[in-house]
């Protein structure tokens, strides 16, 4: 799934996922994944380490 979104900003991913704002996306992402949706997390995903 990450390859599908690797050229998108987090805001674009949030909107594409149905969130109306980054605050809600950030809060729910952190609750579910136990990490913030930071660029470091996306780098780890792209490398296949998660």
Protein backbone atom coordinates (compact mmCIF):
# COMPACT_ATOMS: atom_id res chain seq x y z
CA UNK A 1 0.00 0.00 0.00
CA UNK A 2 2.77 2.47 0.79
CA UNK A 3 4.06 2.38 -2.80
CA UNK A 4 0.67 3.67 -3.91
CA UNK A 5 1.17 6.82 -1.80
CA UNK A 6 4.94 7.34 -1.85
CA UNK A 7 4.67 10.59 -3.86
CA UNK A 8 1.87 12.07 -1.75
CA UNK A 9 2.02 14.43 1.22
CA UNK A 10 0.57 13.29 4.53
CA UNK A 11 -2.21 15.83 4.07
CA UNK A 12 -3.11 14.34 0.68
CA UNK A 13 -3.15 10.85 2.19
CA UNK A 14 -5.36 12.08 5.05
CA UNK A 15 -7.84 13.64 2.62
CA UNK A 16 -7.79 10.58 0.34
CA UNK A 17 -8.52 8.46 3.42
CA UNK A 18 -11.63 10.50 4.16
CA UNK A 19 -10.34 12.77 6.93
CA UNK A 20 -11.44 16.40 6.78
CA UNK A 21 -8.34 17.70 8.55
CA UNK A 22 -4.83 16.73 9.60
CA UNK A 23 -5.58 16.99 13.30
CA UNK A 24 -8.08 14.14 13.21
CA UNK A 25 -5.85 12.05 10.94
CA UNK A 26 -2.85 12.62 13.20
CA UNK A 27 -4.77 11.71 16.37
CA UNK A 28 -6.28 8.52 14.99
CA UNK A 29 -3.06 7.48 13.27
CA UNK A 30 -1.14 7.87 16.53
CA UNK A 31 -3.81 5.94 18.45
CA UNK A 32 -3.82 3.02 15.99
CA UNK A 33 -0.13 2.84 15.01
CA UNK A 34 1.36 4.20 18.25
CA UNK A 35 3.55 6.54 16.19
CA UNK A 36 2.91 9.90 14.63
CA UNK A 37 2.61 9.99 10.86
CA UNK A 38 6.06 11.50 10.47
CA UNK A 39 8.41 11.26 7.54
CA UNK A 40 10.61 8.94 9.60
CA UNK A 41 7.76 6.44 9.88
CA UNK A 42 7.12 6.58 6.12
CA UNK A 43 10.83 6.06 5.45
CA UNK A 44 10.74 2.92 7.61
CA UNK A 45 7.69 1.63 5.73
CA UNK A 46 9.30 2.29 2.35
CA UNK A 47 12.33 0.27 3.46
CA UNK A 48 10.06 -2.62 4.44
CA UNK A 49 11.16 -2.65 8.07
CA UNK A 50 7.63 -2.53 9.50
